[in-house]
PDB file of N, CA and C in Angstrom:
ATOM      1  N   MET A   1       0.840  -1.166   0.000  1.00  0.00           N
ATOM      2  CA  MET A   1       0.000   0.000   0.000  1.00  0.00           C
ATOM      3  C   MET A   1       0.891   1.237   0.000  1.00  0.00           C
ATOM      4  N   SER A   2       0.433   2.248  -0.623  1.00  0.00           N
ATOM      5  CA  SER A   2       1.230   3.457  -0.722  1.00  0.00           C
ATOM      6  C   SER A   2       1.182   4.241   0.580  1.00  0.00           C
ATOM      7  N   GLU A   3       2.268   4.937   0.855  1.00  0.00           N
ATOM      8  CA  GLU A   3       2.334   5.751   2.064  1.00  0.00           C
ATOM      9  C   GLU A   3       2.115   7.212   1.705  1.00  0.00           C
ATOM     10  N   LYS A   4       1.428   7.924   2.572  1.00  0.00           N
ATOM     11  CA  LYS A   4       1.193   9.348   2.369  1.00  0.00           C
ATOM     12  C   LYS A   4       1.541  10.086   3.642  1.00  0.00           C
ATOM     13  N   LEU A   5       1.851  11.339   3.523  1.00  0.00           N
ATOM     14  CA  LEU A   5       2.165  12.176   4.672  1.00  0.00           C
ATOM     15  C   LEU A   5       0.897  12.882   5.113  1.00  0.00           C
ATOM     16  N   TYR A   6       0.531  12.689   6.369  1.00  0.00           N
ATOM     17  CA  TYR A   6      -0.665  13.313   6.914  1.00  0.00           C
ATOM     18  C   TYR A   6      -0.263  14.365   7.934  1.00  0.00           C
ATOM     19  N   THR A   7      -0.919  15.516   7.895  1.00  0.00           N
ATOM     20  CA  THR A   7      -0.668  16.550   8.895  1.00  0.00           C
ATOM     21  C   THR A   7      -1.889  16.675   9.772  1.00  0.00           C
ATOM     22  N   SER A   8      -1.643  16.867  11.048  1.00  0.00           N
ATOM     23  CA  SER A   8      -2.737  17.004  11.998  1.00  0.00           C
ATOM     24  C   SER A   8      -2.412  18.124  12.968  1.00  0.00           C
ATOM     25  N   HIS A   9      -3.434  18.663  13.577  1.00  0.00           N
ATOM     26  CA  HIS A   9      -3.235  19.688  14.592  1.00  0.00           C
ATOM     27  C   HIS A   9      -3.521  19.071  15.953  1.00  0.00           C
ATOM     28  N   CYS A  10      -2.541  19.180  16.846  1.00  0.00           N
ATOM     29  CA  CYS A  10      -2.685  18.610  18.182  1.00  0.00           C
ATOM     30  C   CYS A  10      -3.669  19.450  18.988  1.00  0.00           C
ATOM     31  N   THR A  11      -4.505  18.802  19.783  1.00  0.00           N
ATOM     32  CA  THR A  11      -5.511  19.526  20.571  1.00  0.00           C
ATOM     33  C   THR A  11      -4.925  20.159  21.823  1.00  0.00           C
ATOM     34  N   VAL A  12      -3.712  19.770  22.208  1.00  0.00           N
ATOM     35  CA  VAL A  12      -3.070  20.366  23.379  1.00  0.00           C
ATOM     36  C   VAL A  12      -2.509  21.722  22.978  1.00  0.00           C
ATOM     37  N   GLY A  13      -2.819  22.752  23.754  1.00  0.00           N
ATOM     38  CA  GLY A  13      -2.380  24.107  23.415  1.00  0.00           C
ATOM     39  C   GLY A  13      -0.866  24.226  23.341  1.00  0.00           C
ATOM     40  N   GLY A  14      -0.382  24.908  22.324  1.00  0.00           N
ATOM     41  CA  GLY A  14       1.037  25.159  22.157  1.00  0.00           C
ATOM     42  C   GLY A  14       1.790  24.069  21.408  1.00  0.00           C
ATOM     43  N   HIS A  15       1.163  22.954  21.147  1.00  0.00           N
ATOM     44  CA  HIS A  15       1.863  21.882  20.448  1.00  0.00           C
ATOM     45  C   HIS A  15       1.882  22.098  18.939  1.00  0.00           C
ATOM     46  N   GLY A  16       0.890  22.793  18.415  1.00  0.00           N
ATOM     47  CA  GLY A  16       0.864  23.095  16.991  1.00  0.00           C
ATOM     48  C   GLY A  16       0.572  21.882  16.126  1.00  0.00           C
ATOM     49  N   THR A  17       1.124  21.870  14.912  1.00  0.00           N
ATOM     50  CA  THR A  17       0.855  20.776  13.978  1.00  0.00           C
ATOM     51  C   THR A  17       1.990  19.767  14.008  1.00  0.00           C
ATOM     52  N   TRP A  18       1.691  18.562  13.634  1.00  0.00           N
ATOM     53  CA  TRP A  18       2.695  17.520  13.519  1.00  0.00           C
ATOM     54  C   TRP A  18       2.389  16.679  12.301  1.00  0.00           C
ATOM     55  N   CYS A  19       3.405  16.016  11.786  1.00  0.00           N
ATOM     56  CA  CYS A  19       3.243  15.199  10.583  1.00  0.00           C
ATOM     57  C   CYS A  19       3.496  13.738  10.930  1.00  0.00           C
ATOM     58  N   SER A  20       2.782  12.882  10.288  1.00  0.00           N
ATOM     59  CA  SER A  20       2.993  11.451  10.478  1.00  0.00           C
ATOM     60  C   SER A  20       2.822  10.739   9.148  1.00  0.00           C
ATOM     61  N   VAL A  21       3.532   9.650   9.011  1.00  0.00           N
ATOM     62  CA  VAL A  21       3.413   8.828   7.809  1.00  0.00           C
ATOM     63  C   VAL A  21       2.519   7.652   8.164  1.00  0.00           C
ATOM     64  N   ALA A  22       1.471   7.441   7.386  1.00  0.00           N
ATOM     65  CA  ALA A  22       0.541   6.343   7.633  1.00  0.00           C
ATOM     66  C   ALA A  22       0.219   5.654   6.320  1.00  0.00           C
ATOM     67  N   GLN A  23      -0.161   4.406   6.417  1.00  0.00           N
ATOM     68  CA  GLN A  23      -0.555   3.677   5.214  1.00  0.00           C
ATOM     69  C   GLN A  23      -2.016   3.961   4.909  1.00  0.00           C
ATOM     70  N   ASP A  24      -2.318   3.959   3.630  1.00  0.00           N
ATOM     71  CA  ASP A  24      -3.709   4.149   3.219  1.00  0.00           C
ATOM     72  C   ASP A  24      -4.553   3.003   3.754  1.00  0.00           C
ATOM     73  N   LYS A  25      -5.769   3.284   4.121  1.00  0.00           N
ATOM     74  CA  LYS A  25      -6.671   2.250   4.614  1.00  0.00           C
ATOM     75  C   LYS A  25      -7.280   1.449   3.471  1.00  0.00           C
ATOM     76  N   ILE A  26      -7.446   2.067   2.306  1.00  0.00           N
ATOM     77  CA  ILE A  26      -8.090   1.416   1.167  1.00  0.00           C
ATOM     78  C   ILE A  26      -7.027   1.099   0.115  1.00  0.00           C
ATOM     79  N   PRO A  27      -6.788  -0.183  -0.183  1.00  0.00           N
ATOM     80  CA  PRO A  27      -5.814  -0.530  -1.208  1.00  0.00           C
ATOM     81  C   PRO A  27      -6.337  -0.195  -2.609  1.00  0.00           C
ATOM     82  N   SER A  28      -5.409  -0.060  -3.538  1.00  0.00           N
ATOM     83  CA  SER A  28      -5.791   0.226  -4.917  1.00  0.00           C
ATOM     84  C   SER A  28      -6.421  -1.016  -5.548  1.00  0.00           C
ATOM     85  N   LYS A  29      -6.994  -0.850  -6.745  1.00  0.00           N
ATOM     86  CA  LYS A  29      -7.622  -1.984  -7.441  1.00  0.00           C
ATOM     87  C   LYS A  29      -6.599  -3.077  -7.739  1.00  0.00           C
ATOM     88  N   LYS A  30      -5.397  -2.665  -8.098  1.00  0.00           N
ATOM     89  CA  LYS A  30      -4.340  -3.629  -8.403  1.00  0.00           C
ATOM     90  C   LYS A  30      -3.985  -4.443  -7.157  1.00  0.00           C
ATOM     91  N   GLU A  31      -3.873  -3.763  -6.021  1.00  0.00           N
ATOM     92  CA  GLU A  31      -3.545  -4.462  -4.781  1.00  0.00           C
ATOM     93  C   GLU A  31      -4.679  -5.386  -4.346  1.00  0.00           C
ATOM     94  N   LEU A  32      -5.931  -4.956  -4.529  1.00  0.00           N
ATOM     95  CA  LEU A  32      -7.074  -5.807  -4.202  1.00  0.00           C
ATOM     96  C   LEU A  32      -7.076  -7.065  -5.060  1.00  0.00           C
ATOM     97  N   SER A  33      -6.777  -6.894  -6.343  1.00  0.00           N
ATOM     98  CA  SER A  33      -6.730  -8.031  -7.255  1.00  0.00           C
ATOM     99  C   SER A  33      -5.644  -9.017  -6.820  1.00  0.00           C
ATOM    100  N   LYS A  34      -4.494  -8.484  -6.421  1.00  0.00           N
ATOM    101  CA  LYS A  34      -3.394  -9.327  -5.955  1.00  0.00           C
ATOM    102  C   LYS A  34      -3.806 -10.102  -4.704  1.00  0.00           C
ATOM    103  N   LEU A  35      -4.475  -9.433  -3.779  1.00  0.00           N
ATOM    104  CA  LEU A  35      -4.927 -10.094  -2.556  1.00  0.00           C
ATOM    105  C   LEU A  35      -5.946 -11.189  -2.857  1.00  0.00           C
ATOM    106  N   ARG A  36      -6.847 -10.923  -3.822  1.00  0.00           N
ATOM    107  CA  ARG A  36      -7.840 -11.932  -4.201  1.00  0.00           C
ATOM    108  C   ARG A  36      -7.173 -13.165  -4.809  1.00  0.00           C
ATOM    109  N   ARG A  37      -6.179 -12.934  -5.683  1.00  0.00           N
ATOM    110  CA  ARG A  37      -5.472 -14.058  -6.307  1.00  0.00           C
ATOM    111  C   ARG A  37      -4.753 -14.898  -5.252  1.00  0.00           C
ATOM    112  N   GLN A  38      -4.107 -14.225  -4.302  1.00  0.00           N
ATOM    113  CA  GLN A  38      -3.402 -14.949  -3.243  1.00  0.00           C
ATOM    114  C   GLN A  38      -4.381 -15.776  -2.412  1.00  0.00           C
ATOM    115  N   ALA A  39      -5.512 -15.184  -2.076  1.00  0.00           N
ATOM    116  CA  ALA A  39      -6.518 -15.904  -1.284  1.00  0.00           C
ATOM    117  C   ALA A  39      -7.067 -17.091  -2.074  1.00  0.00           C
ATOM    118  N   SER A  40      -7.297 -16.881  -3.369  1.00  0.00           N
ATOM    119  CA  SER A  40      -7.819 -17.949  -4.219  1.00  0.00           C
ATOM    120  C   SER A  40      -6.821 -19.104  -4.304  1.00  0.00           C
ATOM    121  N   LYS A  41      -5.538 -18.783  -4.478  1.00  0.00           N
ATOM    122  CA  LYS A  41      -4.514 -19.825  -4.552  1.00  0.00           C
ATOM    123  C   LYS A  41      -4.447 -20.607  -3.245  1.00  0.00           C
ATOM    124  N   LYS A  42      -4.579 -19.919  -2.128  1.00  0.00           N
ATOM    125  CA  LYS A  42      -4.537 -20.594  -0.830  1.00  0.00           C
ATOM    126  C   LYS A  42      -5.738 -21.521  -0.675  1.00  0.00           C
ATOM    127  N   LEU A  43      -6.923 -21.061  -1.081  1.00  0.00           N
ATOM    128  CA  LEU A  43      -8.114 -21.907  -0.989  1.00  0.00           C
ATOM    129  C   LEU A  43      -7.970 -23.155  -1.851  1.00  0.00           C
ATOM    130  N   ILE A  44      -7.448 -22.979  -3.055  1.00  0.00           N
ATOM    131  CA  ILE A  44      -7.258 -24.113  -3.960  1.00  0.00           C
ATOM    132  C   ILE A  44      -6.244 -25.090  -3.366  1.00  0.00           C
ATOM    133  N   ALA A  45      -5.150 -24.580  -2.827  1.00  0.00           N
ATOM    134  CA  ALA A  45      -4.132 -25.447  -2.230  1.00  0.00           C
ATOM    135  C   ALA A  45      -4.699 -26.219  -1.044  1.00  0.00           C
ATOM    136  N   ASP A  46      -5.486 -25.546  -0.211  1.00  0.00           N
ATOM    137  CA  ASP A  46      -6.104 -26.224   0.933  1.00  0.00           C
ATOM    138  C   ASP A  46      -7.057 -27.325   0.473  1.00  0.00           C
ATOM    139  N   GLU A  47      -7.806 -27.056  -0.582  1.00  0.00           N
ATOM    140  CA  GLU A  47      -8.739 -28.052  -1.121  1.00  0.00           C
ATOM    141  C   GLU A  47      -7.983 -29.268  -1.669  1.00  0.00           C
ATOM    142  N   VAL A  48      -6.878 -29.027  -2.369  1.00  0.00           N
ATOM    143  CA  VAL A  48      -6.068 -30.124  -2.909  1.00  0.00           C
ATOM    144  C   VAL A  48      -5.503 -30.971  -1.775  1.00  0.00           C
ATOM    145  N   ILE A  49      -5.067 -30.327  -0.706  1.00  0.00           N
ATOM    146  CA  ILE A  49      -4.536 -31.062   0.445  1.00  0.00           C
ATOM    147  C   ILE A  49      -5.610 -31.953   1.054  1.00  0.00           C
ATOM    148  N   GLU A  50      -6.809 -31.416   1.220  1.00  0.00           N
ATOM    149  CA  GLU A  50      -7.907 -32.205   1.794  1.00  0.00           C
ATOM    150  C   GLU A  50      -8.265 -33.399   0.912  1.00  0.00           C
ATOM    151  N   ILE A  51      -8.326 -33.181  -0.397  1.00  0.00           N
ATOM    152  CA  ILE A  51      -8.649 -34.271  -1.326  1.00  0.00           C
ATOM    153  C   ILE A  51      -7.557 -35.338  -1.280  1.00  0.00           C
ATOM    154  N   THR A  52      -6.303 -34.911  -1.247  1.00  0.00           N
ATOM    155  CA  THR A  52      -5.185 -35.852  -1.195  1.00  0.00           C
ATOM    156  C   THR A  52      -5.238 -36.692   0.073  1.00  0.00           C
ATOM    157  N   LYS A  53      -5.522 -36.050   1.197  1.00  0.00           N
ATOM    158  CA  LYS A  53      -5.639 -36.796   2.459  1.00  0.00           C
ATOM    159  C   LYS A  53      -6.743 -37.841   2.373  1.00  0.00           C
ATOM    160  N   GLN A  54      -7.877 -37.454   1.813  1.00  0.00           N
ATOM    161  CA  GLN A  54      -9.007 -38.383   1.695  1.00  0.00           C
ATOM    162  C   GLN A  54      -8.662 -39.561   0.791  1.00  0.00           C
ATOM    163  N   VAL A  55      -8.004 -39.288  -0.324  1.00  0.00           N
ATOM    164  CA  VAL A  55      -7.619 -40.357  -1.250  1.00  0.00           C
ATOM    165  C   VAL A  55      -6.638 -41.311  -0.576  1.00  0.00           C
ATOM    166  N   LEU A  56      -5.667 -40.771   0.153  1.00  0.00           N
ATOM    167  CA  LEU A  56      -4.700 -41.624   0.843  1.00  0.00           C
ATOM    168  C   LEU A  56      -5.372 -42.492   1.900  1.00  0.00           C
ATOM    169  N   GLU A  57      -6.332 -41.933   2.609  1.00  0.00           N
ATOM    170  CA  GLU A  57      -7.077 -42.721   3.595  1.00  0.00           C
ATOM    171  C   GLU A  57      -7.859 -43.840   2.916  1.00  0.00           C
ATOM    172  N   ASP A  58      -8.496 -43.515   1.787  1.00  0.00           N
ATOM    173  CA  ASP A  58      -9.263 -44.526   1.053  1.00  0.00           C
ATOM    174  C   ASP A  58      -8.359 -45.655   0.568  1.00  0.00           C
ATOM    175  N   TYR A  59      -7.168 -45.303   0.029  1.00  0.00           N
ATOM    176  CA  TYR A  59      -6.238 -46.322  -0.443  1.00  0.00           C
ATOM    177  C   TYR A  59      -5.731 -47.184   0.705  1.00  0.00           C
ATOM    178  N   SER A  60      -5.443 -46.562   1.843  1.00  0.00           N
ATOM    179  CA  SER A  60      -4.944 -47.357   2.973  1.00  0.00           C
ATOM    180  C   SER A  60      -6.025 -48.317   3.468  1.00  0.00           C
ATOM    181  N   ASP A  61      -7.279 -47.863   3.474  1.00  0.00           N
ATOM    182  CA  ASP A  61      -8.385 -48.752   3.857  1.00  0.00           C
ATOM    183  C   ASP A  61      -8.525 -49.908   2.869  1.00  0.00           C
ATOM    184  N   ALA A  62      -8.387 -49.608   1.595  1.00  0.00           N
ATOM    185  CA  ALA A  62      -8.503 -50.649   0.568  1.00  0.00           C
ATOM    186  C   ALA A  62      -7.380 -51.669   0.713  1.00  0.00           C
ATOM    187  N   TRP A  63      -6.153 -51.222   0.973  1.00  0.00           N
ATOM    188  CA  TRP A  63      -5.025 -52.144   1.140  1.00  0.00           C
ATOM    189  C   TRP A  63      -5.215 -53.018   2.378  1.00  0.00           C
ATOM    190  N   GLU A  64      -5.767 -52.434   3.445  1.00  0.00           N
ATOM    191  CA  GLU A  64      -6.026 -53.221   4.657  1.00  0.00           C
ATOM    192  C   GLU A  64      -7.049 -54.321   4.376  1.00  0.00           C
ATOM    193  N   GLN A  65      -8.081 -53.995   3.607  1.00  0.00           N
ATOM    194  CA  GLN A  65      -9.103 -54.986   3.274  1.00  0.00           C
ATOM    195  C   GLN A  65      -8.527 -56.089   2.387  1.00  0.00           C
ATOM    196  N   LEU A  66      -7.650 -55.711   1.452  1.00  0.00           N
ATOM    197  CA  LEU A  66      -7.010 -56.718   0.600  1.00  0.00           C
ATOM    198  C   LEU A  66      -6.082 -57.614   1.412  1.00  0.00           C
ATOM    199  N   ALA A  67      -5.423 -57.044   2.397  1.00  0.00           N
ATOM    200  CA  ALA A  67      -4.500 -57.832   3.220  1.00  0.00           C
ATOM    201  C   ALA A  67      -5.249 -58.873   4.041  1.00  0.00           C
ATOM    202  N   LYS A  68      -6.501 -58.581   4.390  1.00  0.00           N
ATOM    203  CA  LYS A  68      -7.303 -59.518   5.179  1.00  0.00           C
ATOM    204  C   LYS A  68      -7.754 -60.723   4.352  1.00  0.00           C
ATOM    205  N   LEU A  69      -7.777 -60.562   3.021  1.00  0.00           N
ATOM    206  CA  LEU A  69      -8.219 -61.657   2.146  1.00  0.00           C
ATOM    207  C   LEU A  69      -7.138 -62.664   2.087  1.00  0.00           C
TER     208      LEU A  69
END
């Protein structure tokens, strides 16, 4: 996110103005798109992991049943 310089006036008498650097609260469209892609990739990876675990469990159960024969 881009940084901007913000000026504020202190409410305490005699302190005057001060400057601070803060990050924007709202990301740009490009940054939002990047965040969406990252989230989507993570969801897909998590789904693949879950499917892989299930398949491995199914295969191990099948091998156990074959071993009993």
